[in-house]
Amino acid sequence: KKSFAALAIAGALVLGGSTAATAYTPS
């Protein structure tokens, strides 16, 4: 249970990382 919880948290951090939203106008 502890190992699975640690892996779940690590997976959430890897996959849930946020990126800044950018508005892109084609140039």
PDB file of all heavy atoms in Angstrom:
ATOM      1  N   LYS A   1       0.831  -1.203   0.000  1.00  0.00           N
ATOM      2  CA  LYS A   1       0.000   0.000   0.000  1.00  0.00           C
ATOM      3  C   LYS A   1       0.869   1.257   0.000  1.00  0.00           C
ATOM      4  O   LYS A   1       0.582   2.212  -0.705  1.00  0.00           O
ATOM      5  CB  LYS A   1      -0.939   0.012   1.206  1.00  0.00           C
ATOM      6  CG  LYS A   1      -2.040  -1.019   1.113  1.00  0.00           C
ATOM      7  CD  LYS A   1      -2.946  -0.951   2.323  1.00  0.00           C
ATOM      8  CE  LYS A   1      -4.008  -2.030   2.264  1.00  0.00           C
ATOM      9  NZ  LYS A   1      -4.867  -2.014   3.434  1.00  0.00           N
ATOM     10  N   LYS A   2       1.949   1.241   0.777  1.00  0.00           N
ATOM     11  CA  LYS A   2       2.848   2.395   0.823  1.00  0.00           C
ATOM     12  C   LYS A   2       3.573   2.580  -0.510  1.00  0.00           C
ATOM     13  O   LYS A   2       3.728   3.694  -0.993  1.00  0.00           O
ATOM     14  CB  LYS A   2       3.853   2.243   1.956  1.00  0.00           C
ATOM     15  CG  LYS A   2       3.242   2.384   3.330  1.00  0.00           C
ATOM     16  CD  LYS A   2       4.290   2.214   4.398  1.00  0.00           C
ATOM     17  CE  LYS A   2       3.665   2.286   5.781  1.00  0.00           C
ATOM     18  NZ  LYS A   2       4.662   2.094   6.823  1.00  0.00           N
ATOM     19  N   SER A   3       4.022   1.458  -1.094  1.00  0.00           N
ATOM     20  CA  SER A   3       4.717   1.537  -2.384  1.00  0.00           C
ATOM     21  C   SER A   3       3.783   2.039  -3.468  1.00  0.00           C
ATOM     22  O   SER A   3       4.153   2.879  -4.292  1.00  0.00           O
ATOM     23  CB  SER A   3       5.263   0.166  -2.790  1.00  0.00           C
ATOM     24  OG  SER A   3       6.231  -0.269  -1.862  1.00  0.00           O
ATOM     25  N   PHE A   4       2.553   1.509  -3.466  1.00  0.00           N
ATOM     26  CA  PHE A   4       1.585   1.939  -4.468  1.00  0.00           C
ATOM     27  C   PHE A   4       1.242   3.417  -4.291  1.00  0.00           C
ATOM     28  O   PHE A   4       1.120   4.149  -5.271  1.00  0.00           O
ATOM     29  CB  PHE A   4       0.313   1.079  -4.391  1.00  0.00           C
ATOM     30  CG  PHE A   4      -0.689   1.447  -5.442  1.00  0.00           C
ATOM     31  CD1 PHE A   4      -0.481   1.101  -6.768  1.00  0.00           C
ATOM     32  CD2 PHE A   4      -1.827   2.163  -5.113  1.00  0.00           C
ATOM     33  CE1 PHE A   4      -1.387   1.451  -7.738  1.00  0.00           C
ATOM     34  CE2 PHE A   4      -2.740   2.518  -6.085  1.00  0.00           C
ATOM     35  CZ  PHE A   4      -2.524   2.156  -7.400  1.00  0.00           C
ATOM     36  N   ALA A   5       1.095   3.863  -3.057  1.00  0.00           N
ATOM     37  CA  ALA A   5       0.785   5.271  -2.802  1.00  0.00           C
ATOM     38  C   ALA A   5       1.925   6.169  -3.285  1.00  0.00           C
ATOM     39  O   ALA A   5       1.684   7.219  -3.895  1.00  0.00           O
ATOM     40  CB  ALA A   5       0.519   5.498  -1.321  1.00  0.00           C
ATOM     41  N   ALA A   6       3.172   5.752  -3.020  1.00  0.00           N
ATOM     42  CA  ALA A   6       4.320   6.541  -3.463  1.00  0.00           C
ATOM     43  C   ALA A   6       4.382   6.607  -4.992  1.00  0.00           C
ATOM     44  O   ALA A   6       4.652   7.661  -5.579  1.00  0.00           O
ATOM     45  CB  ALA A   6       5.615   5.956  -2.905  1.00  0.00           C
ATOM     46  N   LEU A   7       4.114   5.477  -5.660  1.00  0.00           N
ATOM     47  CA  LEU A   7       4.112   5.465  -7.123  1.00  0.00           C
ATOM     48  C   LEU A   7       2.971   6.305  -7.680  1.00  0.00           C
ATOM     49  O   LEU A   7       3.129   6.988  -8.693  1.00  0.00           O
ATOM     50  CB  LEU A   7       4.012   4.030  -7.640  1.00  0.00           C
ATOM     51  CG  LEU A   7       5.282   3.193  -7.489  1.00  0.00           C
ATOM     52  CD1 LEU A   7       5.019   1.746  -7.874  1.00  0.00           C
ATOM     53  CD2 LEU A   7       6.388   3.766  -8.351  1.00  0.00           C
ATOM     54  N   ALA A   8       1.816   6.266  -7.040  1.00  0.00           N
ATOM     55  CA  ALA A   8       0.680   7.072  -7.502  1.00  0.00           C
ATOM     56  C   ALA A   8       0.988   8.561  -7.388  1.00  0.00           C
ATOM     57  O   ALA A   8       0.680   9.344  -8.294  1.00  0.00           O
ATOM     58  CB  ALA A   8      -0.571   6.725  -6.705  1.00  0.00           C
ATOM     59  N   ILE A   9       1.613   8.957  -6.287  1.00  0.00           N
ATOM     60  CA  ILE A   9       1.978  10.367  -6.120  1.00  0.00           C
ATOM     61  C   ILE A   9       3.024  10.777  -7.146  1.00  0.00           C
ATOM     62  O   ILE A   9       2.934  11.843  -7.761  1.00  0.00           O
ATOM     63  CB  ILE A   9       2.471  10.632  -4.674  1.00  0.00           C
ATOM     64  CG1 ILE A   9       1.288  10.499  -3.706  1.00  0.00           C
ATOM     65  CG2 ILE A   9       3.113  12.002  -4.556  1.00  0.00           C
ATOM     66  CD1 ILE A   9       1.686  10.508  -2.242  1.00  0.00           C
ATOM     67  N   ALA A  10       4.021   9.913  -7.366  1.00  0.00           N
ATOM     68  CA  ALA A  10       5.049  10.216  -8.371  1.00  0.00           C
ATOM     69  C   ALA A  10       4.441  10.323  -9.764  1.00  0.00           C
ATOM     70  O   ALA A  10       4.775  11.219 -10.541  1.00  0.00           O
ATOM     71  CB  ALA A  10       6.143   9.148  -8.347  1.00  0.00           C
ATOM     72  N   GLY A  11       3.520   9.413 -10.083  1.00  0.00           N
ATOM     73  CA  GLY A  11       2.849   9.467 -11.381  1.00  0.00           C
ATOM     74  C   GLY A  11       2.026  10.731 -11.538  1.00  0.00           C
ATOM     75  O   GLY A  11       2.002  11.350 -12.605  1.00  0.00           O
ATOM     76  N   ALA A  12       1.346  11.153 -10.478  1.00  0.00           N
ATOM     77  CA  ALA A  12       0.550  12.378 -10.535  1.00  0.00           C
ATOM     78  C   ALA A  12       1.449  13.594 -10.749  1.00  0.00           C
ATOM     79  O   ALA A  12       1.094  14.516 -11.489  1.00  0.00           O
ATOM     80  CB  ALA A  12      -0.263  12.536  -9.265  1.00  0.00           C
ATOM     81  N   LEU A  13       2.618  13.605 -10.115  1.00  0.00           N
ATOM     82  CA  LEU A  13       3.542  14.718 -10.299  1.00  0.00           C
ATOM     83  C   LEU A  13       4.089  14.767 -11.721  1.00  0.00           C
ATOM     84  O   LEU A  13       4.227  15.833 -12.315  1.00  0.00           O
ATOM     85  CB  LEU A  13       4.694  14.633  -9.300  1.00  0.00           C
ATOM     86  CG  LEU A  13       4.336  14.920  -7.839  1.00  0.00           C
ATOM     87  CD1 LEU A  13       5.531  14.636  -6.944  1.00  0.00           C
ATOM     88  CD2 LEU A  13       3.881  16.352  -7.689  1.00  0.00           C
ATOM     89  N   VAL A  14       4.406  13.588 -12.283  1.00  0.00           N
ATOM     90  CA  VAL A  14       4.957  13.541 -13.639  1.00  0.00           C
ATOM     91  C   VAL A  14       3.901  13.922 -14.668  1.00  0.00           C
ATOM     92  O   VAL A  14       4.131  14.741 -15.555  1.00  0.00           O
ATOM     93  CB  VAL A  14       5.518  12.133 -13.959  1.00  0.00           C
ATOM     94  CG1 VAL A  14       5.819  11.986 -15.431  1.00  0.00           C
ATOM     95  CG2 VAL A  14       6.773  11.886 -13.149  1.00  0.00           C
ATOM     96  N   LEU A  15       2.712  13.327 -14.556  1.00  0.00           N
ATOM     97  CA  LEU A  15       1.674  13.552 -15.552  1.00  0.00           C
ATOM     98  C   LEU A  15       0.874  14.814 -15.309  1.00  0.00           C
ATOM     99  O   LEU A  15       0.291  15.368 -16.225  1.00  0.00           O
ATOM    100  CB  LEU A  15       0.726  12.354 -15.605  1.00  0.00           C
ATOM    101  CG  LEU A  15       1.375  11.050 -16.060  1.00  0.00           C
ATOM    102  CD1 LEU A  15       0.381   9.920 -15.990  1.00  0.00           C
ATOM    103  CD2 LEU A  15       1.927  11.188 -17.460  1.00  0.00           C
ATOM    104  N   GLY A  16       0.840  15.287 -14.091  1.00  0.00           N
ATOM    105  CA  GLY A  16       0.013  16.443 -13.763  1.00  0.00           C
ATOM    106  C   GLY A  16       0.774  17.744 -13.726  1.00  0.00           C
ATOM    107  O   GLY A  16       0.246  18.746 -13.272  1.00  0.00           O
ATOM    108  N   GLY A  17       2.010  17.738 -14.177  1.00  0.00           N
ATOM    109  CA  GLY A  17       2.796  18.972 -14.178  1.00  0.00           C
ATOM    110  C   GLY A  17       2.101  20.054 -14.984  1.00  0.00           C
ATOM    111  O   GLY A  17       1.528  19.808 -16.031  1.00  0.00           O
ATOM    112  N   SER A  18       2.130  21.255 -14.491  1.00  0.00           N
ATOM    113  CA  SER A  18       1.434  22.326 -15.191  1.00  0.00           C
ATOM    114  C   SER A  18       2.397  23.072 -16.101  1.00  0.00           C
ATOM    115  O   SER A  18       3.594  23.140 -15.861  1.00  0.00           O
ATOM    116  CB  SER A  18       0.821  23.298 -14.191  1.00  0.00           C
ATOM    117  OG  SER A  18       1.840  23.926 -13.453  1.00  0.00           O
ATOM    118  N   THR A  19       1.841  23.611 -17.167  1.00  0.00           N
ATOM    119  CA  THR A  19       2.611  24.461 -18.066  1.00  0.00           C
ATOM    120  C   THR A  19       1.880  25.778 -18.190  1.00  0.00           C
ATOM    121  O   THR A  19       0.675  25.850 -18.035  1.00  0.00           O
ATOM    122  CB  THR A  19       2.744  23.826 -19.463  1.00  0.00           C
ATOM    123  OG1 THR A  19       1.438  23.613 -19.992  1.00  0.00           O
ATOM    124  CG2 THR A  19       3.493  22.508 -19.405  1.00  0.00           C
ATOM    125  N   ALA A  20       2.613  26.809 -18.459  1.00  0.00           N
ATOM    126  CA  ALA A  20       2.011  28.128 -18.594  1.00  0.00           C
ATOM    127  C   ALA A  20       1.163  28.179 -19.849  1.00  0.00           C
ATOM    128  O   ALA A  20       1.561  27.707 -20.904  1.00  0.00           O
ATOM    129  CB  ALA A  20       3.101  29.191 -18.661  1.00  0.00           C
ATOM    130  N   ALA A  21      -0.008  28.739 -19.746  1.00  0.00           N
ATOM    131  CA  ALA A  21      -0.870  28.891 -20.901  1.00  0.00           C
ATOM    132  C   ALA A  21      -0.357  30.053 -21.740  1.00  0.00           C
ATOM    133  O   ALA A  21      -0.052  31.117 -21.221  1.00  0.00           O
ATOM    134  CB  ALA A  21      -2.303  29.163 -20.458  1.00  0.00           C
ATOM    135  N   THR A  22      -0.256  29.811 -23.031  1.00  0.00           N
ATOM    136  CA  THR A  22       0.228  30.866 -23.909  1.00  0.00           C
ATOM    137  C   THR A  22      -0.739  31.042 -25.059  1.00  0.00           C
ATOM    138  O   THR A  22      -1.293  30.079 -25.569  1.00  0.00           O
ATOM    139  CB  THR A  22       1.617  30.527 -24.483  1.00  0.00           C
ATOM    140  OG1 THR A  22       1.531  29.293 -25.182  1.00  0.00           O
ATOM    141  CG2 THR A  22       2.662  30.431 -23.398  1.00  0.00           C
ATOM    142  N   ALA A  23      -0.941  32.268 -25.436  1.00  0.00           N
ATOM    143  CA  ALA A  23      -1.752  32.562 -26.602  1.00  0.00           C
ATOM    144  C   ALA A  23      -0.796  32.697 -27.774  1.00  0.00           C
ATOM    145  O   ALA A  23       0.108  33.512 -27.739  1.00  0.00           O
ATOM    146  CB  ALA A  23      -2.532  33.850 -26.392  1.00  0.00           C
ATOM    147  N   TYR A  24      -0.962  31.893 -28.797  1.00  0.00           N
ATOM    148  CA  TYR A  24      -0.044  31.882 -29.924  1.00  0.00           C
ATOM    149  C   TYR A  24      -0.740  32.435 -31.150  1.00  0.00           C
ATOM    150  O   TYR A  24      -1.794  31.969 -31.539  1.00  0.00           O
ATOM    151  CB  TYR A  24       0.441  30.458 -30.197  1.00  0.00           C
ATOM    152  CG  TYR A  24       1.374  30.373 -31.369  1.00  0.00           C
ATOM    153  CD1 TYR A  24       2.682  30.805 -31.278  1.00  0.00           C
ATOM    154  CD2 TYR A  24       0.931  29.884 -32.590  1.00  0.00           C
ATOM    155  CE1 TYR A  24       3.533  30.734 -32.363  1.00  0.00           C
ATOM    156  CE2 TYR A  24       1.769  29.814 -33.674  1.00  0.00           C
ATOM    157  CZ  TYR A  24       3.066  30.232 -33.551  1.00  0.00           C
ATOM    158  OH  TYR A  24       3.897  30.167 -34.634  1.00  0.00           O
ATOM    159  N   THR A  25      -0.146  33.411 -31.729  1.00  0.00           N
ATOM    160  CA  THR A  25      -0.606  33.942 -33.000  1.00  0.00           C
ATOM    161  C   THR A  25       0.406  33.516 -34.042  1.00  0.00           C
ATOM    162  O   THR A  25       1.595  33.760 -33.880  1.00  0.00           O
ATOM    163  CB  THR A  25      -0.691  35.485 -32.954  1.00  0.00           C
ATOM    164  OG1 THR A  25      -1.541  35.854 -31.888  1.00  0.00           O
ATOM    165  CG2 THR A  25      -1.223  36.021 -34.260  1.00  0.00           C
ATOM    166  N   PRO A  26      -0.049  32.845 -35.106  1.00  0.00           N
ATOM    167  CA  PRO A  26       0.917  32.362 -36.087  1.00  0.00           C
ATOM    168  C   PRO A  26       1.703  33.501 -36.726  1.00  0.00           C
ATOM    169  O   PRO A  26       1.140  34.505 -37.111  1.00  0.00           O
ATOM    170  CB  PRO A  26       0.050  31.637 -37.122  1.00  0.00           C
ATOM    171  CG  PRO A  26      -1.344  32.046 -36.858  1.00  0.00           C
ATOM    172  CD  PRO A  26      -1.417  32.572 -35.465  1.00  0.00           C
ATOM    173  N   SER A  27       3.022  33.344 -36.769  1.00  0.00           N
ATOM    174  CA  SER A  27       3.860  34.351 -37.408  1.00  0.00           C
ATOM    175  C   SER A  27       4.592  33.755 -38.601  1.00  0.00           C
ATOM    176  O   SER A  27       5.150  34.470 -39.399  1.00  0.00           O
ATOM    177  CB  SER A  27       4.876  34.904 -36.409  1.00  0.00           C
ATOM    178  OG  SER A  27       5.692  33.864 -35.940  1.00  0.00           O
TER     179      SER A  27
END
